[in-house]
Amino acid sequence: MGMNVMKESTIKKLWFLAAGFALLTGLLIFVDDLHDFVPGTEWLHWLPDFTPVYIGNFHFEHLYVGAAIILIGLSIAVYTYTTYP
C-alpha cells in the first residue's frame, strides 16, 4: 500500500485549522477598514489603501471582503462540524 491514509480526526483538525485561519484573516481585514465607518478607529488601519472597486453604484470596500472571508470560514467550520463526527 505505501500510502498514508489520514484519519477522519486529522482531516477534521485540518479543516478546522483552515476555518480558523479564514476567520482570523477575515477579522483582520474587517477591523482594518473600520476606520472608514467608525470615528476614532484610525489606529486600526494597517493595510495599505487601494483603489476602490465600483460595482454599479456600490462602493466595494475591503470591509466587505473581510466579512465575506469570515462567512467562508464560518461555513467551513459548520460543514466540518456537521460532516465529521
N, C-alpha and C. Protein backbone atom coordinates (compact mmCIF):
# COMPACT_ATOMS: atom_id res chain seq x y z
N MET A 1 0.82 -1.17 0.00
CA MET A 1 0.00 0.00 0.00
C MET A 1 0.87 1.25 0.00
N GLY A 2 1.68 1.46 0.99
CA GLY A 2 2.66 2.52 0.98
C GLY A 2 2.12 3.93 1.18
N MET A 3 0.83 4.14 1.06
CA MET A 3 0.27 5.48 1.19
C MET A 3 -0.23 5.69 2.61
N ASN A 4 0.01 6.88 3.13
CA ASN A 4 -0.54 7.22 4.43
C ASN A 4 -2.00 7.58 4.26
N VAL A 5 -2.84 6.91 5.00
CA VAL A 5 -4.26 7.21 4.97
C VAL A 5 -4.56 8.06 6.19
N MET A 6 -5.11 9.25 5.93
CA MET A 6 -5.40 10.17 7.02
C MET A 6 -6.67 9.73 7.75
N LYS A 7 -6.62 9.81 9.05
CA LYS A 7 -7.80 9.51 9.84
C LYS A 7 -8.79 10.67 9.74
N GLU A 8 -10.05 10.38 9.99
CA GLU A 8 -11.06 11.43 9.93
C GLU A 8 -10.80 12.53 10.94
N SER A 9 -10.22 12.17 12.08
CA SER A 9 -9.94 13.20 13.09
C SER A 9 -8.87 14.16 12.60
N THR A 10 -7.90 13.66 11.85
CA THR A 10 -6.85 14.52 11.30
C THR A 10 -7.43 15.44 10.24
N ILE A 11 -8.30 14.91 9.40
CA ILE A 11 -8.94 15.72 8.37
C ILE A 11 -9.80 16.80 9.02
N LYS A 12 -10.52 16.42 10.08
CA LYS A 12 -11.36 17.38 10.80
C LYS A 12 -10.50 18.50 11.39
N LYS A 13 -9.36 18.15 11.97
CA LYS A 13 -8.47 19.16 12.54
C LYS A 13 -7.93 20.10 11.46
N LEU A 14 -7.60 19.57 10.31
CA LEU A 14 -7.09 20.40 9.22
C LEU A 14 -8.16 21.36 8.70
N TRP A 15 -9.40 20.89 8.58
CA TRP A 15 -10.49 21.76 8.14
C TRP A 15 -10.78 22.84 9.16
N PHE A 16 -10.74 22.49 10.46
CA PHE A 16 -10.94 23.50 11.49
C PHE A 16 -9.79 24.50 11.50
N LEU A 17 -8.58 24.04 11.20
CA LEU A 17 -7.44 24.95 11.09
C LEU A 17 -7.65 25.92 9.93
N ALA A 18 -8.13 25.42 8.80
CA ALA A 18 -8.41 26.28 7.65
C ALA A 18 -9.53 27.26 7.97
N ALA A 19 -10.56 26.80 8.68
CA ALA A 19 -11.66 27.67 9.07
C ALA A 19 -11.17 28.76 10.03
N GLY A 20 -10.34 28.39 10.99
CA GLY A 20 -9.78 29.37 11.92
C GLY A 20 -8.91 30.40 11.23
N PHE A 21 -8.12 29.94 10.27
CA PHE A 21 -7.28 30.86 9.50
C PHE A 21 -8.14 31.84 8.71
N ALA A 22 -9.19 31.33 8.08
CA ALA A 22 -10.10 32.20 7.31
C ALA A 22 -10.79 33.20 8.23
N LEU A 23 -11.25 32.75 9.39
CA LEU A 23 -11.91 33.65 10.33
C LEU A 23 -10.96 34.75 10.80
N LEU A 24 -9.74 34.38 11.16
CA LEU A 24 -8.77 35.36 11.63
C LEU A 24 -8.39 36.35 10.54
N THR A 25 -8.15 35.85 9.34
CA THR A 25 -7.81 36.73 8.22
C THR A 25 -8.96 37.68 7.91
N GLY A 26 -10.16 37.15 7.85
CA GLY A 26 -11.33 38.00 7.59
C GLY A 26 -11.53 39.04 8.66
N LEU A 27 -11.32 38.66 9.91
CA LEU A 27 -11.48 39.60 11.01
C LEU A 27 -10.44 40.71 10.94
N LEU A 28 -9.20 40.37 10.61
CA LEU A 28 -8.16 41.40 10.49
C LEU A 28 -8.46 42.38 9.36
N ILE A 29 -8.93 41.87 8.24
CA ILE A 29 -9.28 42.74 7.12
C ILE A 29 -10.50 43.60 7.47
N PHE A 30 -11.48 42.99 8.12
CA PHE A 30 -12.69 43.70 8.52
C PHE A 30 -12.36 44.83 9.49
N VAL A 31 -11.56 44.54 10.50
CA VAL A 31 -11.20 45.53 11.52
C VAL A 31 -10.36 46.64 10.90
N ASP A 32 -9.52 46.30 9.93
CA ASP A 32 -8.68 47.31 9.28
C ASP A 32 -9.51 48.39 8.61
N ASP A 33 -10.62 48.04 8.05
CA ASP A 33 -11.42 49.01 7.29
C ASP A 33 -12.46 49.73 8.14
N LEU A 34 -12.52 49.44 9.42
CA LEU A 34 -13.48 50.12 10.28
C LEU A 34 -13.21 51.62 10.38
N HIS A 35 -11.98 52.04 10.12
CA HIS A 35 -11.64 53.46 10.25
C HIS A 35 -12.44 54.32 9.28
N ASP A 36 -12.95 53.73 8.21
CA ASP A 36 -13.77 54.49 7.26
C ASP A 36 -15.19 54.71 7.78
N PHE A 37 -15.61 53.89 8.71
CA PHE A 37 -17.01 53.92 9.15
C PHE A 37 -17.19 54.33 10.62
N VAL A 38 -16.19 54.07 11.46
CA VAL A 38 -16.31 54.34 12.89
C VAL A 38 -15.23 55.36 13.28
N PRO A 39 -15.63 56.55 13.73
CA PRO A 39 -14.65 57.56 14.14
C PRO A 39 -13.83 57.09 15.34
N GLY A 40 -12.56 57.44 15.33
CA GLY A 40 -11.67 57.09 16.43
C GLY A 40 -10.99 55.75 16.28
N THR A 41 -11.19 55.08 15.15
CA THR A 41 -10.55 53.77 14.96
C THR A 41 -9.45 53.84 13.88
N GLU A 42 -8.91 55.03 13.66
CA GLU A 42 -7.86 55.18 12.65
C GLU A 42 -6.63 54.35 13.00
N TRP A 43 -6.39 54.14 14.28
CA TRP A 43 -5.21 53.38 14.71
C TRP A 43 -5.30 51.91 14.31
N LEU A 44 -6.49 51.43 13.94
CA LEU A 44 -6.64 50.04 13.49
C LEU A 44 -6.25 49.85 12.03
N HIS A 45 -6.01 50.95 11.32
CA HIS A 45 -5.73 50.87 9.89
C HIS A 45 -4.28 50.44 9.66
N TRP A 46 -4.08 49.23 9.15
CA TRP A 46 -2.73 48.71 8.93
C TRP A 46 -2.50 48.24 7.50
N LEU A 47 -3.55 47.97 6.73
CA LEU A 47 -3.37 47.58 5.33
C LEU A 47 -3.18 48.81 4.47
N PRO A 48 -2.40 48.71 3.40
CA PRO A 48 -2.27 49.87 2.51
C PRO A 48 -3.59 50.17 1.81
N ASP A 49 -3.81 51.43 1.49
CA ASP A 49 -5.02 51.81 0.77
C ASP A 49 -4.98 51.24 -0.64
N PHE A 50 -6.13 51.01 -1.20
CA PHE A 50 -6.20 50.52 -2.58
C PHE A 50 -7.28 51.29 -3.30
N THR A 51 -7.22 51.24 -4.61
CA THR A 51 -8.23 51.91 -5.42
C THR A 51 -9.56 51.20 -5.24
N PRO A 52 -10.59 51.93 -4.85
CA PRO A 52 -11.87 51.26 -4.62
C PRO A 52 -12.46 50.69 -5.90
N VAL A 53 -13.23 49.66 -5.74
CA VAL A 53 -13.88 49.00 -6.87
C VAL A 53 -15.36 49.37 -6.82
N TYR A 54 -15.90 49.75 -7.95
CA TYR A 54 -17.32 50.08 -8.03
C TYR A 54 -18.03 49.00 -8.84
N ILE A 55 -19.09 48.46 -8.27
CA ILE A 55 -19.94 47.52 -8.97
C ILE A 55 -21.29 48.23 -9.09
N GLY A 56 -21.53 48.78 -10.26
CA GLY A 56 -22.69 49.66 -10.42
C GLY A 56 -22.46 50.92 -9.60
N ASN A 57 -23.36 51.24 -8.72
CA ASN A 57 -23.19 52.37 -7.82
C ASN A 57 -22.67 51.93 -6.45
N PHE A 58 -22.37 50.67 -6.28
CA PHE A 58 -21.94 50.12 -5.00
C PHE A 58 -20.44 50.27 -4.85
N HIS A 59 -20.01 50.94 -3.79
CA HIS A 59 -18.60 51.14 -3.50
C HIS A 59 -18.11 49.94 -2.70
N PHE A 60 -17.31 49.10 -3.32
CA PHE A 60 -16.88 47.84 -2.72
C PHE A 60 -15.63 48.07 -1.88
N GLU A 61 -15.80 48.16 -0.57
CA GLU A 61 -14.69 48.36 0.36
C GLU A 61 -14.11 47.01 0.77
N HIS A 62 -12.88 47.01 1.30
CA HIS A 62 -12.35 45.73 1.76
C HIS A 62 -12.97 45.31 3.08
N LEU A 63 -13.79 46.15 3.67
CA LEU A 63 -14.61 45.73 4.82
C LEU A 63 -15.50 44.57 4.40
N TYR A 64 -16.06 44.66 3.21
CA TYR A 64 -16.94 43.61 2.71
C TYR A 64 -16.16 42.35 2.34
N VAL A 65 -14.94 42.51 1.89
CA VAL A 65 -14.10 41.35 1.60
C VAL A 65 -13.83 40.59 2.90
N GLY A 66 -13.52 41.34 3.97
CA GLY A 66 -13.30 40.71 5.27
C GLY A 66 -14.53 39.98 5.76
N ALA A 67 -15.70 40.59 5.61
CA ALA A 67 -16.94 39.95 6.03
C ALA A 67 -17.20 38.69 5.21
N ALA A 68 -16.90 38.72 3.93
CA ALA A 68 -17.10 37.54 3.08
C ALA A 68 -16.15 36.41 3.49
N ILE A 69 -14.90 36.75 3.82
CA ILE A 69 -13.94 35.72 4.25
C ILE A 69 -14.37 35.14 5.59
N ILE A 70 -14.91 35.98 6.49
CA ILE A 70 -15.42 35.47 7.76
C ILE A 70 -16.56 34.49 7.52
N LEU A 71 -17.47 34.82 6.61
CA LEU A 71 -18.58 33.91 6.31
C LEU A 71 -18.09 32.60 5.70
N ILE A 72 -17.07 32.68 4.87
CA ILE A 72 -16.49 31.45 4.29
C ILE A 72 -15.89 30.59 5.39
N GLY A 73 -15.16 31.21 6.30
CA GLY A 73 -14.58 30.47 7.42
C GLY A 73 -15.64 29.83 8.30
N LEU A 74 -16.71 30.58 8.58
CA LEU A 74 -17.80 30.02 9.38
C LEU A 74 -18.48 28.86 8.67
N SER A 75 -18.66 28.98 7.36
CA SER A 75 -19.31 27.89 6.63
C SER A 75 -18.42 26.64 6.59
N ILE A 76 -17.11 26.83 6.50
CA ILE A 76 -16.18 25.68 6.56
C ILE A 76 -16.28 25.01 7.94
N ALA A 77 -16.31 25.82 8.98
CA ALA A 77 -16.38 25.28 10.34
C ALA A 77 -17.69 24.51 10.56
N VAL A 78 -18.81 25.08 10.12
CA VAL A 78 -20.10 24.42 10.29
C VAL A 78 -20.16 23.13 9.48
N TYR A 79 -19.69 23.19 8.24
CA TYR A 79 -19.68 21.99 7.40
C TYR A 79 -18.83 20.89 8.02
N THR A 80 -17.66 21.26 8.52
CA THR A 80 -16.77 20.28 9.13
C THR A 80 -17.39 19.70 10.39
N TYR A 81 -18.01 20.54 11.19
CA TYR A 81 -18.62 20.08 12.43
C TYR A 81 -19.77 19.11 12.16
N THR A 82 -20.54 19.38 11.12
CA THR A 82 -21.70 18.53 10.83
C THR A 82 -21.32 17.28 10.02
N THR A 83 -20.20 17.32 9.31
CA THR A 83 -19.82 16.20 8.45
C THR A 83 -19.02 15.13 9.19
N TYR A 84 -18.03 15.57 9.97
CA TYR A 84 -17.16 14.62 10.65
C TYR A 84 -17.60 14.47 12.10
N PRO A 85 -17.69 13.24 12.57
CA PRO A 85 -18.13 13.01 13.97
C PRO A 85 -17.10 13.46 14.98
